[in-house]
Amino acid sequence: QVELTKFTIAVNRYYKGADGKPNQEVLYIGVDAWGTLGKNCLLGSMDVNDDKVWNDYVAGLDKLQLPTVLKLMQTAYDRQYK
């Protein structure tokens, strides 16, 4: 049986519009996490520490830095909606 966990992440996006004025919008990103990652998300075994690195307590490993993950999400959003 493959574990699947579905959840939504809300991210505030700040940008300048064509008129040069600052804008803000909230992006709701649907996430499907499969396998071990899905199981860990369901169990809540990962958290973000002060250094913005995920600690995976099940595997005992540090994961990707949060800014990198957010940049990848922004890139995916831009590709889809621009």
Protein backbone atom coordinates (compact mmCIF):
# COMPACT_ATOMS: atom_id res chain seq x y z
CA GLN A 1 0.00 0.00 0.00
CA VAL A 2 1.37 3.42 -1.01
CA GLU A 3 0.83 6.26 1.43
CA LEU A 4 -0.78 9.39 -0.03
CA THR A 5 -1.26 12.61 1.88
CA LYS A 6 -3.00 15.64 0.39
CA PHE A 7 -2.79 19.11 1.87
CA THR A 8 -2.72 22.77 0.87
CA ILE A 9 0.01 25.34 1.49
CA ALA A 10 -0.87 29.05 1.55
CA VAL A 11 1.91 31.39 0.41
CA ASN A 12 1.82 35.19 0.33
CA ARG A 13 3.18 36.52 -2.97
CA TYR A 14 4.42 40.10 -3.20
CA TYR A 15 5.15 41.67 -6.58
CA LYS A 16 5.04 44.92 -8.53
CA GLY A 17 2.30 45.26 -11.12
CA ALA A 18 2.66 46.72 -14.61
CA ASP A 19 1.89 50.13 -13.10
CA GLY A 20 4.84 49.76 -10.68
CA LYS A 21 2.61 49.56 -7.61
CA PRO A 22 3.19 46.81 -5.06
CA ASN A 23 0.64 44.02 -5.04
CA GLN A 24 -0.01 41.04 -2.83
CA GLU A 25 -1.92 37.84 -3.39
CA VAL A 26 -2.29 34.55 -1.60
CA LEU A 27 -1.41 31.43 -3.53
CA TYR A 28 -3.01 28.18 -2.44
CA ILE A 29 -0.86 25.29 -3.59
CA GLY A 30 -2.29 21.79 -3.56
CA VAL A 31 0.28 19.18 -2.57
CA ASP A 32 0.13 15.41 -3.06
CA ALA A 33 2.87 13.66 -1.08
CA TRP A 34 3.45 9.99 -1.91
CA GLY A 35 5.34 7.15 -0.29
CA THR A 36 7.62 7.86 2.64
CA LEU A 37 7.23 11.62 2.26
CA GLY A 38 3.42 11.23 2.36
CA LYS A 39 3.65 9.09 5.47
CA ASN A 40 6.01 11.57 7.17
CA CYS A 41 3.70 14.48 6.33
CA LEU A 42 0.73 12.56 7.72
CA LEU A 43 2.61 11.74 10.92
CA GLY A 44 3.96 15.28 11.20
CA SER A 45 7.51 14.04 11.64
CA MET A 46 9.10 16.93 9.76
CA ASP A 47 9.36 20.48 11.05
CA VAL A 48 11.30 23.61 10.15
CA ASN A 49 14.04 24.66 12.55
CA ASP A 50 15.57 28.12 13.00
CA ASP A 51 18.02 27.51 10.16
CA LYS A 52 15.12 26.89 7.75
CA VAL A 53 16.15 23.26 7.26
CA TRP A 54 13.63 20.48 7.60
CA ASN A 55 14.47 17.87 10.19
CA ASP A 56 13.12 14.47 9.23
CA TYR A 57 12.95 12.67 12.55
CA VAL A 58 12.05 9.33 10.97
CA ALA A 59 15.06 9.17 8.63
CA GLY A 60 17.29 11.36 10.81
CA LEU A 61 18.21 13.57 7.86
CA ASP A 62 18.10 17.28 7.07
CA LYS A 63 15.97 18.12 4.03
CA LEU A 64 15.86 20.96 1.51
CA GLN A 65 16.05 24.53 2.71
CA LEU A 66 12.66 26.23 2.79
CA PRO A 67 13.67 29.16 0.51
CA THR A 68 14.64 26.65 -2.18
CA VAL A 69 11.28 24.92 -1.91
CA LEU A 70 9.39 28.22 -2.10
CA LYS A 71 11.42 29.30 -5.14
CA LEU A 72 10.52 26.06 -6.90
CA MET A 73 6.84 26.61 -6.06
CA GLN A 74 7.01 30.17 -7.42
CA THR A 75 8.67 28.95 -10.61
CA ALA A 76 5.99 26.29 -11.09
CA TYR A 77 3.25 28.87 -10.52
CA ASP A 78 4.83 31.30 -12.99
CA ARG A 79 5.09 28.60 -15.65
CA GLN A 80 1.45 27.66 -15.21
CA TYR A 81 -0.12 31.14 -15.07
CA LYS A 82 2.14 33.40 -17.15
